[in-house]
Amino acid sequence: MLNIENLSLSYRLPQGKELPALQGLNLSLAEGHMLGLIGESGCGKTTLCHVLTQNLSYQGHITFNGTELKDIRDRKAYYAQVQYIFQDAKSTVPQHMRLEHWALAPLRNLKGLTPKAASALMVELMAQVGLDPQLLQRYPGEVSLGQLQRLSLLKSLAIAPQLLLCDEITSALDQESATACLELLTRYRTEQGLSVLFITHDLNTAMQWCPEIAVMFKGQVLEQGPKEELCHPYVQSLKAAAHVLSGEQALPPQAAPTLTCPMHHEPLCPWLMRCSKAQALCAHQAPPRHQLTSHHYLQCHYRR
């Protein structure tokens, strides 16, 4: 369904300088799959979403259902197929607007439903996920963040898109609300063949809910494959950090805090300066892209 090849994008800075945000990124998402995209803050995850929603120009190739993204001119039809869920639901709805007007907008604007038909469908969907339809008559400040995020999901799911871009949608939620959102995504993926790009910095959440994982660092995807088979040194570092944060293991005495993704061009392996398995070759040659299996590729000199 979605195939990205050699995607690059740089932001223009003052004095003519450029800031590379995406650098030769490769990614694929099959129909009906839920892919977890893991990465630190600043690695380009949100930039990728803005590219996929046609808000940023790019170099490289992106095809959606076999059509190059640059060649898609009918944005209304495209947005009916591809929906973007933001991290902060409260920032996407005007505070003076009743939730009814905000939640029904996609059904009316993208599907052409009448206000009455759109309202009836939304009420039916809300009842299925345990949301009180009376929430539609309230304002954003009168509902919880968890309720608003679930309603934000339903707002997009109601138009039956093919692809859902979820950008850190559970990071600000309590565990119960986060689980409710993820169960809703899983249900639609299973029952309706929805494809989901689930973007997060939380490795544990992605490993629990996503059968397949893509690992991103400094604008590149270093590995994509089944979650049980991930082997890149960066992934091992993330797993070790998760064990420390959960209290399962102590922080090694020699360990020191590291910065988030450095923002400059990286001609070699972007993980090189932090890698514990670096070899002499790593300092002289960019790592190749190894196709380990039909559903698993690794960008690294070190292989299992």
C-alpha atoms as a PDB file:
ATOM      1  CA  MET A   1       0.000   0.000   0.000  1.00  0.00           C
ATOM      2  CA  LEU A   2       2.645   2.536   1.088  1.00  0.00           C
ATOM      3  CA  ASN A   3       6.181   2.342  -0.220  1.00  0.00           C
ATOM      4  CA  ILE A   4       8.894   4.929   0.478  1.00  0.00           C
ATOM      5  CA  GLU A   5      12.261   4.822  -1.269  1.00  0.00           C
ATOM      6  CA  ASN A   6      15.271   7.067  -0.673  1.00  0.00           C
ATOM      7  CA  LEU A   7      13.199   9.858   0.868  1.00  0.00           C
ATOM      8  CA  SER A   8      15.154  13.012   1.714  1.00  0.00           C
ATOM      9  CA  LEU A   9      14.102  16.429   2.959  1.00  0.00           C
ATOM     10  CA  SER A  10      15.974  19.418   4.389  1.00  0.00           C
ATOM     11  CA  TYR A  11      14.661  22.520   6.122  1.00  0.00           C
ATOM     12  CA  ARG A  12      16.082  25.854   4.994  1.00  0.00           C
ATOM     13  CA  LEU A  13      17.736  27.909   7.739  1.00  0.00           C
ATOM     14  CA  PRO A  14      18.887  31.554   7.800  1.00  0.00           C
ATOM     15  CA  GLN A  15      22.036  32.455   5.848  1.00  0.00           C
ATOM     16  CA  GLY A  16      21.218  29.794   3.261  1.00  0.00           C
ATOM     17  CA  LYS A  17      22.008  26.844   5.514  1.00  0.00           C
ATOM     18  CA  GLU A  18      20.021  23.622   5.387  1.00  0.00           C
ATOM     19  CA  LEU A  19      19.015  21.221   8.151  1.00  0.00           C
ATOM     20  CA  PRO A  20      18.653  17.602   6.940  1.00  0.00           C
ATOM     21  CA  ALA A  21      15.512  16.082   8.465  1.00  0.00           C
ATOM     22  CA  LEU A  22      15.117  12.926   6.362  1.00  0.00           C
ATOM     23  CA  GLN A  23      18.110  11.237   4.725  1.00  0.00           C
ATOM     24  CA  GLY A  24      17.610   8.389   2.279  1.00  0.00           C
ATOM     25  CA  LEU A  25      14.726   6.925   4.262  1.00  0.00           C
ATOM     26  CA  ASN A  26      13.168   3.618   3.161  1.00  0.00           C
ATOM     27  CA  LEU A  27       9.910   2.291   4.579  1.00  0.00           C
ATOM     28  CA  SER A  28       7.028   0.055   3.502  1.00  0.00           C
ATOM     29  CA  LEU A  29       3.606  -0.658   4.944  1.00  0.00           C
ATOM     30  CA  ALA A  30       1.381  -3.440   3.623  1.00  0.00           C
ATOM     31  CA  GLU A  31      -2.398  -3.267   3.486  1.00  0.00           C
ATOM     32  CA  GLY A  32      -4.064  -4.248   6.758  1.00  0.00           C
ATOM     33  CA  HIS A  33      -0.824  -4.101   8.763  1.00  0.00           C
ATOM     34  CA  MET A  34       0.085  -2.055  11.836  1.00  0.00           C
ATOM     35  CA  LEU A  35       3.676  -0.839  11.695  1.00  0.00           C
ATOM     36  CA  GLY A  36       5.295   0.683  14.763  1.00  0.00           C
ATOM     37  CA  LEU A  37       7.733   3.485  13.912  1.00  0.00           C
ATOM     38  CA  ILE A  38      10.156   3.971  16.808  1.00  0.00           C
ATOM     39  CA  GLY A  39      12.511   6.922  17.196  1.00  0.00           C
ATOM     40  CA  GLU A  40      13.892   9.570  19.512  1.00  0.00           C
ATOM     41  CA  SER A  41      12.641  13.153  19.567  1.00  0.00           C
ATOM     42  CA  GLY A  42      14.020  15.035  16.589  1.00  0.00           C
ATOM     43  CA  CYS A  43      14.648  12.002  14.376  1.00  0.00           C
ATOM     44  CA  GLY A  44      12.099  13.079  11.748  1.00  0.00           C
ATOM     45  CA  LYS A  45       8.965  11.087  12.620  1.00  0.00           C
ATOM     46  CA  THR A  46       6.597  14.058  12.509  1.00  0.00           C
ATOM     47  CA  THR A  47       8.323  15.453   9.423  1.00  0.00           C
ATOM     48  CA  LEU A  48       7.558  12.150   7.720  1.00  0.00           C
ATOM     49  CA  CYS A  49       3.866  12.566   8.604  1.00  0.00           C
ATOM     50  CA  HIS A  50       3.815  16.060   7.103  1.00  0.00           C
ATOM     51  CA  VAL A  51       5.320  14.653   3.916  1.00  0.00           C
ATOM     52  CA  LEU A  52       2.696  11.910   3.758  1.00  0.00           C
ATOM     53  CA  THR A  53      -0.090  14.470   4.211  1.00  0.00           C
ATOM     54  CA  GLN A  54       1.317  16.440   1.256  1.00  0.00           C
ATOM     55  CA  ASN A  55       2.329  19.425   3.366  1.00  0.00           C
ATOM     56  CA  LEU A  56       6.059  19.277   2.549  1.00  0.00           C
ATOM     57  CA  SER A  57       7.927  18.749  -0.706  1.00  0.00           C
ATOM     58  CA  TYR A  58      10.545  16.015  -0.842  1.00  0.00           C
ATOM     59  CA  GLN A  59      13.125  14.175  -2.879  1.00  0.00           C
ATOM     60  CA  GLY A  60      12.809  10.460  -3.536  1.00  0.00           C
ATOM     61  CA  HIS A  61       9.792   8.282  -4.221  1.00  0.00           C
ATOM     62  CA  ILE A  62       6.587   7.680  -2.268  1.00  0.00           C
ATOM     63  CA  THR A  63       3.852   5.534  -3.750  1.00  0.00           C
ATOM     64  CA  PHE A  64       0.392   5.086  -2.256  1.00  0.00           C
ATOM     65  CA  ASN A  65      -1.594   2.258  -3.830  1.00  0.00           C
ATOM     66  CA  GLY A  66       0.849   2.301  -6.723  1.00  0.00           C
ATOM     67  CA  THR A  67       0.574   6.048  -7.441  1.00  0.00           C
ATOM     68  CA  GLU A  68       3.417   8.482  -6.837  1.00  0.00           C
ATOM     69  CA  LEU A  69       2.421  10.891  -4.073  1.00  0.00           C
ATOM     70  CA  LYS A  70       3.581  13.914  -6.107  1.00  0.00           C
ATOM     71  CA  ASP A  71       1.153  12.937  -8.865  1.00  0.00           C
ATOM     72  CA  ILE A  72      -1.938  12.879  -6.620  1.00  0.00           C
ATOM     73  CA  ARG A  73      -3.812  16.109  -7.332  1.00  0.00           C
ATOM     74  CA  ASP A  74      -7.206  15.406  -5.760  1.00  0.00           C
ATOM     75  CA  ARG A  75      -6.369  16.145  -2.134  1.00  0.00           C
ATOM     76  CA  LYS A  76      -9.930  15.745  -0.938  1.00  0.00           C
ATOM     77  CA  ALA A  77     -10.032  12.170  -2.224  1.00  0.00           C
ATOM     78  CA  TYR A  78      -6.570  11.535  -0.801  1.00  0.00           C
ATOM     79  CA  TYR A  79      -7.513  12.789   2.680  1.00  0.00           C
ATOM     80  CA  ALA A  80     -10.554  10.535   2.599  1.00  0.00           C
ATOM     81  CA  GLN A  81      -8.091   7.649   2.304  1.00  0.00           C
ATOM     82  CA  VAL A  82      -5.258   8.914   4.521  1.00  0.00           C
ATOM     83  CA  GLN A  83      -5.988  10.409   7.936  1.00  0.00           C
ATOM     84  CA  TYR A  84      -3.535  11.959  10.414  1.00  0.00           C
ATOM     85  CA  ILE A  85      -4.116  11.749  14.187  1.00  0.00           C
ATOM     86  CA  PHE A  86      -2.125  14.288  16.182  1.00  0.00           C
ATOM     87  CA  GLN A  87      -0.405  13.805  19.527  1.00  0.00           C
ATOM     88  CA  ASP A  88      -2.361  16.541  21.304  1.00  0.00           C
ATOM     89  CA  ALA A  89      -6.025  16.233  20.477  1.00  0.00           C
ATOM     90  CA  LYS A  90      -6.871  19.443  22.356  1.00  0.00           C
ATOM     91  CA  SER A  91      -4.715  21.480  19.979  1.00  0.00           C
ATOM     92  CA  THR A  92      -6.720  20.309  16.944  1.00  0.00           C
ATOM     93  CA  VAL A  93     -10.149  21.560  17.996  1.00  0.00           C
ATOM     94  CA  PRO A  94     -11.128  25.222  18.582  1.00  0.00           C
ATOM     95  CA  GLN A  95     -11.917  25.744  22.249  1.00  0.00           C
ATOM     96  CA  HIS A  96     -15.068  27.739  21.448  1.00  0.00           C
ATOM     97  CA  MET A  97     -16.512  24.989  19.228  1.00  0.00           C
ATOM     98  CA  ARG A  98     -18.789  22.211  20.376  1.00  0.00           C
ATOM     99  CA  LEU A  99     -17.264  18.805  19.746  1.00  0.00           C
ATOM    100  CA  GLU A 100     -20.168  17.884  17.487  1.00  0.00           C
ATOM    101  CA  HIS A 101     -19.086  20.334  14.769  1.00  0.00           C
ATOM    102  CA  TRP A 102     -15.460  19.162  14.938  1.00  0.00           C
ATOM    103  CA  ALA A 103     -16.194  15.430  15.056  1.00  0.00           C
ATOM    104  CA  LEU A 104     -18.701  15.431  12.204  1.00  0.00           C
ATOM    105  CA  ALA A 105     -16.642  17.595   9.837  1.00  0.00           C
ATOM    106  CA  PRO A 106     -14.879  14.705   8.001  1.00  0.00           C
ATOM    107  CA  LEU A 107     -18.159  12.842   7.453  1.00  0.00           C
ATOM    108  CA  ARG A 108     -19.765  15.958   5.993  1.00  0.00           C
ATOM    109  CA  ASN A 109     -16.800  17.357   4.036  1.00  0.00           C
ATOM    110  CA  LEU A 110     -15.122  14.171   2.792  1.00  0.00           C
ATOM    111  CA  LYS A 111     -18.069  11.767   2.575  1.00  0.00           C
ATOM    112  CA  GLY A 112     -20.868  14.188   1.772  1.00  0.00           C
ATOM    113  CA  LEU A 113     -23.200  13.035   4.566  1.00  0.00           C
ATOM    114  CA  THR A 114     -25.979  15.294   5.777  1.00  0.00           C
ATOM    115  CA  PRO A 115     -25.664  16.649   9.334  1.00  0.00           C
ATOM    116  CA  LYS A 116     -28.388  14.263  10.492  1.00  0.00           C
ATOM    117  CA  ALA A 117     -26.792  11.179   8.889  1.00  0.00           C
ATOM    118  CA  ALA A 118     -23.319  12.130  10.130  1.00  0.00           C
ATOM    119  CA  SER A 119     -24.608  12.610  13.666  1.00  0.00           C
ATOM    120  CA  ALA A 120     -26.441   9.268  13.653  1.00  0.00           C
ATOM    121  CA  LEU A 121     -23.336   7.401  12.481  1.00  0.00           C
ATOM    122  CA  MET A 122     -21.069   9.073  15.039  1.00  0.00           C
ATOM    123  CA  VAL A 123     -23.494   8.343  17.876  1.00  0.00           C
ATOM    124  CA  GLU A 124     -23.582   4.692  16.817  1.00  0.00           C
ATOM    125  CA  LEU A 125     -19.780   4.455  16.735  1.00  0.00           C
ATOM    126  CA  MET A 126     -19.384   6.194  20.090  1.00  0.00           C
ATOM    127  CA  ALA A 127     -21.759   3.740  21.728  1.00  0.00           C
ATOM    128  CA  GLN A 128     -19.649   0.848  20.400  1.00  0.00           C
ATOM    129  CA  VAL A 129     -16.527   2.100  22.184  1.00  0.00           C
ATOM    130  CA  GLY A 130     -18.144   3.205  25.430  1.00  0.00           C
ATOM    131  CA  LEU A 131     -18.255   6.950  24.778  1.00  0.00           C
ATOM    132  CA  ASP A 132     -21.341   8.863  25.879  1.00  0.00           C
ATOM    133  CA  PRO A 133     -22.899  10.548  22.800  1.00  0.00           C
ATOM    134  CA  GLN A 134     -23.659  13.537  25.071  1.00  0.00           C
ATOM    135  CA  LEU A 135     -19.945  14.393  24.772  1.00  0.00           C
ATOM    136  CA  LEU A 136     -20.729  15.845  21.352  1.00  0.00           C
ATOM    137  CA  GLN A 137     -22.636  18.689  23.002  1.00  0.00           C
ATOM    138  CA  ARG A 138     -19.679  19.692  25.179  1.00  0.00           C
ATOM    139  CA  TYR A 139     -16.681  21.913  24.579  1.00  0.00           C
ATOM    140  CA  PRO A 140     -13.063  20.613  24.503  1.00  0.00           C
ATOM    141  CA  GLY A 141     -12.304  21.940  27.979  1.00  0.00           C
ATOM    142  CA  GLU A 142     -15.230  19.978  29.428  1.00  0.00           C
ATOM    143  CA  VAL A 143     -13.941  16.487  28.537  1.00  0.00           C
ATOM    144  CA  SER A 144     -10.863  14.504  29.507  1.00  0.00           C
ATOM    145  CA  LEU A 145      -7.867  14.140  27.214  1.00  0.00           C
ATOM    146  CA  GLY A 146      -8.549  10.408  26.968  1.00  0.00           C
ATOM    147  CA  GLN A 147     -12.136  10.978  25.848  1.00  0.00           C
ATOM    148  CA  LEU A 148     -11.047  13.591  23.340  1.00  0.00           C
ATOM    149  CA  GLN A 149      -8.329  11.358  21.855  1.00  0.00           C
ATOM    150  CA  ARG A 150     -10.765   8.454  21.408  1.00  0.00           C
ATOM    151  CA  LEU A 151     -13.226  10.819  19.763  1.00  0.00           C
ATOM    152  CA  SER A 152     -10.411  12.085  17.540  1.00  0.00           C
ATOM    153  CA  LEU A 153      -9.747   8.503  16.459  1.00  0.00           C
ATOM    154  CA  LEU A 154     -13.429   7.859  15.767  1.00  0.00           C
ATOM    155  CA  LYS A 155     -13.646  11.103  13.789  1.00  0.00           C
ATOM    156  CA  SER A 156     -11.094   9.717  11.334  1.00  0.00           C
ATOM    157  CA  LEU A 157     -12.135   6.066  11.461  1.00  0.00           C
ATOM    158  CA  ALA A 158     -15.769   6.973  10.689  1.00  0.00           C
ATOM    159  CA  ILE A 159     -14.884   7.848   7.087  1.00  0.00           C
ATOM    160  CA  ALA A 160     -13.279   4.405   6.598  1.00  0.00           C
ATOM    161  CA  PRO A 161      -9.764   5.492   5.532  1.00  0.00           C
ATOM    162  CA  GLN A 162      -7.235   3.045   4.143  1.00  0.00           C
ATOM    163  CA  LEU A 163      -4.281   4.449   6.096  1.00  0.00           C
ATOM    164  CA  LEU A 164      -4.103   6.045   9.533  1.00  0.00           C
ATOM    165  CA  LEU A 165      -1.038   8.033  10.618  1.00  0.00           C
ATOM    166  CA  CYS A 166      -0.883   8.033  14.423  1.00  0.00           C
ATOM    167  CA  ASP A 167       1.723  10.475  15.735  1.00  0.00           C
ATOM    168  CA  GLU A 168       2.466   9.781  19.427  1.00  0.00           C
ATOM    169  CA  ILE A 169      -1.266   9.565  20.115  1.00  0.00           C
ATOM    170  CA  THR A 170      -0.900   7.743  23.458  1.00  0.00           C
ATOM    171  CA  SER A 171       2.112   9.582  24.923  1.00  0.00           C
ATOM    172  CA  ALA A 172       0.040  12.021  27.014  1.00  0.00           C
ATOM    173  CA  LEU A 173      -2.653   9.539  28.056  1.00  0.00           C
ATOM    174  CA  ASP A 174      -3.085   7.465  31.182  1.00  0.00           C
ATOM    175  CA  GLN A 175      -2.724   3.710  30.781  1.00  0.00           C
ATOM    176  CA  GLU A 176      -6.473   3.020  30.584  1.00  0.00           C
ATOM    177  CA  SER A 177      -7.093   5.655  27.899  1.00  0.00           C
ATOM    178  CA  ALA A 178      -4.026   4.564  25.925  1.00  0.00           C
ATOM    179  CA  THR A 179      -5.172   0.945  25.974  1.00  0.00           C
ATOM    180  CA  ALA A 180      -8.654   1.958  24.815  1.00  0.00           C
ATOM    181  CA  CYS A 181      -7.180   3.816  21.824  1.00  0.00           C
ATOM    182  CA  LEU A 182      -4.893   0.934  20.886  1.00  0.00           C
ATOM    183  CA  GLU A 183      -7.696  -1.615  21.189  1.00  0.00           C
ATOM    184  CA  LEU A 184      -9.802   0.560  18.883  1.00  0.00           C
ATOM    185  CA  LEU A 185      -7.015   0.659  16.299  1.00  0.00           C
ATOM    186  CA  THR A 186      -6.501  -3.102  16.522  1.00  0.00           C
ATOM    187  CA  ARG A 187     -10.208  -3.732  16.098  1.00  0.00           C
ATOM    188  CA  TYR A 188     -10.466  -1.629  12.935  1.00  0.00           C
ATOM    189  CA  ARG A 189      -7.294  -3.167  11.519  1.00  0.00           C
ATOM    190  CA  THR A 190      -8.628  -6.681  12.095  1.00  0.00           C
ATOM    191  CA  GLU A 191     -12.215  -6.113  11.015  1.00  0.00           C
ATOM    192  CA  GLN A 192     -11.827  -3.581   8.196  1.00  0.00           C
ATOM    193  CA  GLY A 193      -8.271  -4.069   6.926  1.00  0.00           C
ATOM    194  CA  LEU A 194      -7.104  -0.641   8.101  1.00  0.00           C
ATOM    195  CA  SER A 195      -3.379   0.054   7.704  1.00  0.00           C
ATOM    196  CA  VAL A 196      -1.767   1.920  10.604  1.00  0.00           C
ATOM    197  CA  LEU A 197       1.546   3.728  10.924  1.00  0.00           C
ATOM    198  CA  PHE A 198       1.885   3.937  14.708  1.00  0.00           C
ATOM    199  CA  ILE A 199       4.579   6.477  15.581  1.00  0.00           C
ATOM    200  CA  THR A 200       5.987   6.464  19.098  1.00  0.00           C
ATOM    201  CA  HIS A 201       9.152   6.853  21.160  1.00  0.00           C
ATOM    202  CA  ASP A 202       7.960   4.102  23.517  1.00  0.00           C
ATOM    203  CA  LEU A 203       9.547   0.819  22.453  1.00  0.00           C
ATOM    204  CA  ASN A 204       7.528  -1.248  24.941  1.00  0.00           C
ATOM    205  CA  THR A 205       4.194   0.032  23.598  1.00  0.00           C
ATOM    206  CA  ALA A 206       5.205  -0.623  20.010  1.00  0.00           C
ATOM    207  CA  MET A 207       6.470  -4.112  20.815  1.00  0.00           C
ATOM    208  CA  GLN A 208       3.220  -4.948  22.615  1.00  0.00           C
ATOM    209  CA  TRP A 209       0.796  -3.752  19.930  1.00  0.00           C
ATOM    210  CA  CYS A 210       2.645  -3.789  16.596  1.00  0.00           C
ATOM    211  CA  PRO A 211       3.632  -7.063  14.883  1.00  0.00           C
ATOM    212  CA  GLU A 212       6.198  -5.184  12.783  1.00  0.00           C
ATOM    213  CA  ILE A 213       8.613  -2.433  13.821  1.00  0.00           C
ATOM    214  CA  ALA A 214      10.645   0.174  11.936  1.00  0.00           C
ATOM    215  CA  VAL A 215      13.450   1.852  13.874  1.00  0.00           C
ATOM    216  CA  MET A 216      14.323   5.435  12.943  1.00  0.00           C
ATOM    217  CA  PHE A 217      17.345   7.550  13.897  1.00  0.00           C
ATOM    218  CA  LYS A 218      18.566  10.873  12.480  1.00  0.00           C
ATOM    219  CA  GLY A 219      16.208  10.807   9.522  1.00  0.00           C
ATOM    220  CA  GLN A 220      16.894   7.215   8.495  1.00  0.00           C
ATOM    221  CA  VAL A 221      15.174   3.881   9.089  1.00  0.00           C
ATOM    222  CA  LEU A 222      17.950   1.628  10.368  1.00  0.00           C
ATOM    223  CA  GLU A 223      15.853  -1.531  10.498  1.00  0.00           C
ATOM    224  CA  GLN A 224      12.356  -2.766   9.645  1.00  0.00           C
ATOM    225  CA  GLY A 225      11.029  -6.206  10.357  1.00  0.00           C
ATOM    226  CA  PRO A 226       9.065  -8.515  12.674  1.00  0.00           C
ATOM    227  CA  LYS A 227       9.414  -7.371  16.264  1.00  0.00           C
ATOM    228  CA  GLU A 228      10.877 -10.707  17.406  1.00  0.00           C
ATOM    229  CA  GLU A 229      13.730 -10.494  14.873  1.00  0.00           C
ATOM    230  CA  LEU A 230      15.044  -6.943  15.391  1.00  0.00           C
ATOM    231  CA  CYS A 231      18.822  -6.980  15.826  1.00  0.00           C
ATOM    232  CA  HIS A 232      20.329  -3.549  15.061  1.00  0.00           C
ATOM    233  CA  PRO A 233      22.688  -2.262  17.797  1.00  0.00           C
ATOM    234  CA  TYR A 234      20.436   0.768  18.199  1.00  0.00           C
ATOM    235  CA  VAL A 235      17.491  -1.516  18.967  1.00  0.00           C
ATOM    236  CA  GLN A 236      19.556  -3.330  21.583  1.00  0.00           C
ATOM    237  CA  SER A 237      20.368   0.024  23.163  1.00  0.00           C
ATOM    238  CA  LEU A 238      16.682   0.967  23.246  1.00  0.00           C
ATOM    239  CA  LYS A 239      15.781  -2.334  24.870  1.00  0.00           C
ATOM    240  CA  ALA A 240      18.469  -1.833  27.528  1.00  0.00           C
ATOM    241  CA  ALA A 241      17.173   1.679  28.227  1.00  0.00           C
ATOM    242  CA  ALA A 242      13.626   0.339  28.562  1.00  0.00           C
ATOM    243  CA  HIS A 243      14.809  -2.182  31.155  1.00  0.00           C
ATOM    244  CA  VAL A 244      16.516   0.606  33.126  1.00  0.00           C
ATOM    245  CA  LEU A 245      13.429   2.837  33.056  1.00  0.00           C
ATOM    246  CA  SER A 246      11.191  -0.026  34.176  1.00  0.00           C
ATOM    247  CA  GLY A 247      13.504  -0.794  37.092  1.00  0.00           C
ATOM    248  CA  GLU A 248      14.342  -4.258  35.793  1.00  0.00           C
ATOM    249  CA  GLN A 249      18.020  -3.402  35.572  1.00  0.00           C
ATOM    250  CA  ALA A 250      20.325  -0.809  37.119  1.00  0.00           C
ATOM    251  CA  LEU A 251      22.064   1.892  35.119  1.00  0.00           C
ATOM    252  CA  PRO A 252      25.669   0.815  34.494  1.00  0.00           C
ATOM    253  CA  PRO A 253      28.171   2.947  36.482  1.00  0.00           C
ATOM    254  CA  GLN A 254      30.016   4.044  33.336  1.00  0.00           C
ATOM    255  CA  ALA A 255      26.873   5.027  31.470  1.00  0.00           C
ATOM    256  CA  ALA A 256      26.248   8.702  30.799  1.00  0.00           C
ATOM    257  CA  PRO A 257      23.181  10.500  29.450  1.00  0.00           C
ATOM    258  CA  THR A 258      23.210  11.112  25.707  1.00  0.00           C
ATOM    259  CA  LEU A 259      21.607  13.800  23.598  1.00  0.00           C
ATOM    260  CA  THR A 260      18.621  13.211  21.377  1.00  0.00           C
ATOM    261  CA  CYS A 261      19.133  12.994  17.644  1.00  0.00           C
ATOM    262  CA  PRO A 262      21.965  15.376  16.575  1.00  0.00           C
ATOM    263  CA  MET A 263      20.773  17.614  13.777  1.00  0.00           C
ATOM    264  CA  HIS A 264      23.399  17.489  11.059  1.00  0.00           C
ATOM    265  CA  HIS A 265      24.166  15.483   7.952  1.00  0.00           C
ATOM    266  CA  GLU A 266      25.493  12.002   8.645  1.00  0.00           C
ATOM    267  CA  PRO A 267      27.479  10.488   5.733  1.00  0.00           C
ATOM    268  CA  LEU A 268      28.260   7.263   7.641  1.00  0.00           C
ATOM    269  CA  CYS A 269      26.131   5.230  10.014  1.00  0.00           C
ATOM    270  CA  PRO A 270      24.100   7.678  12.131  1.00  0.00           C
ATOM    271  CA  TRP A 271      24.489   5.408  15.181  1.00  0.00           C
ATOM    272  CA  LEU A 272      28.279   5.127  14.808  1.00  0.00           C
ATOM    273  CA  MET A 273      29.333   7.423  17.673  1.00  0.00           C
ATOM    274  CA  ARG A 274      27.197   5.512  20.183  1.00  0.00           C
ATOM    275  CA  CYS A 275      27.596   1.990  18.840  1.00  0.00           C
ATOM    276  CA  SER A 276      29.237  -0.652  21.035  1.00  0.00           C
ATOM    277  CA  LYS A 277      29.675  -3.010  18.077  1.00  0.00           C
ATOM    278  CA  ALA A 278      31.358  -0.607  15.665  1.00  0.00           C
ATOM    279  CA  GLN A 279      34.045  -2.083  13.428  1.00  0.00           C
ATOM    280  CA  ALA A 280      36.881  -0.438  11.476  1.00  0.00           C
ATOM    281  CA  LEU A 281      34.762  -0.547   8.335  1.00  0.00           C
ATOM    282  CA  CYS A 282      32.052   1.529  10.027  1.00  0.00           C
ATOM    283  CA  ALA A 283      34.364   4.560  10.213  1.00  0.00           C
ATOM    284  CA  HIS A 284      35.050   4.562   6.467  1.00  0.00           C
ATOM    285  CA  GLN A 285      31.958   3.294   4.684  1.00  0.00           C
ATOM    286  CA  ALA A 286      28.227   3.874   5.031  1.00  0.00           C
ATOM    287  CA  PRO A 287      26.389   0.658   5.941  1.00  0.00           C
ATOM    288  CA  PRO A 288      24.587  -1.180   3.125  1.00  0.00           C
ATOM    289  CA  ARG A 289      20.935  -2.143   3.229  1.00  0.00           C
ATOM    290  CA  HIS A 290      20.759  -5.904   3.839  1.00  0.00           C
ATOM    291  CA  GLN A 291      17.535  -7.717   2.920  1.00  0.00           C
ATOM    292  CA  LEU A 292      17.569 -10.443   5.591  1.00  0.00           C
ATOM    293  CA  THR A 293      14.152 -11.827   4.591  1.00  0.00           C
ATOM    294  CA  SER A 294      11.292 -10.646   2.405  1.00  0.00           C
ATOM    295  CA  HIS A 295       9.883  -8.710   5.391  1.00  0.00           C
ATOM    296  CA  HIS A 296      13.084  -7.741   7.191  1.00  0.00           C
ATOM    297  CA  TYR A 297      15.868  -5.371   6.204  1.00  0.00           C
ATOM    298  CA  LEU A 298      18.816  -4.000   8.168  1.00  0.00           C
ATOM    299  CA  GLN A 299      21.044  -1.016   7.468  1.00  0.00           C
ATOM    300  CA  CYS A 300      24.217  -2.037   9.312  1.00  0.00           C
ATOM    301  CA  HIS A 301      27.646  -3.616   8.706  1.00  0.00           C
ATOM    302  CA  TYR A 302      27.069  -5.812  11.754  1.00  0.00           C
ATOM    303  CA  ARG A 303      24.746  -8.750  11.154  1.00  0.00           C
ATOM    304  CA  ARG A 304      23.673 -11.591  13.400  1.00  0.00           C
END
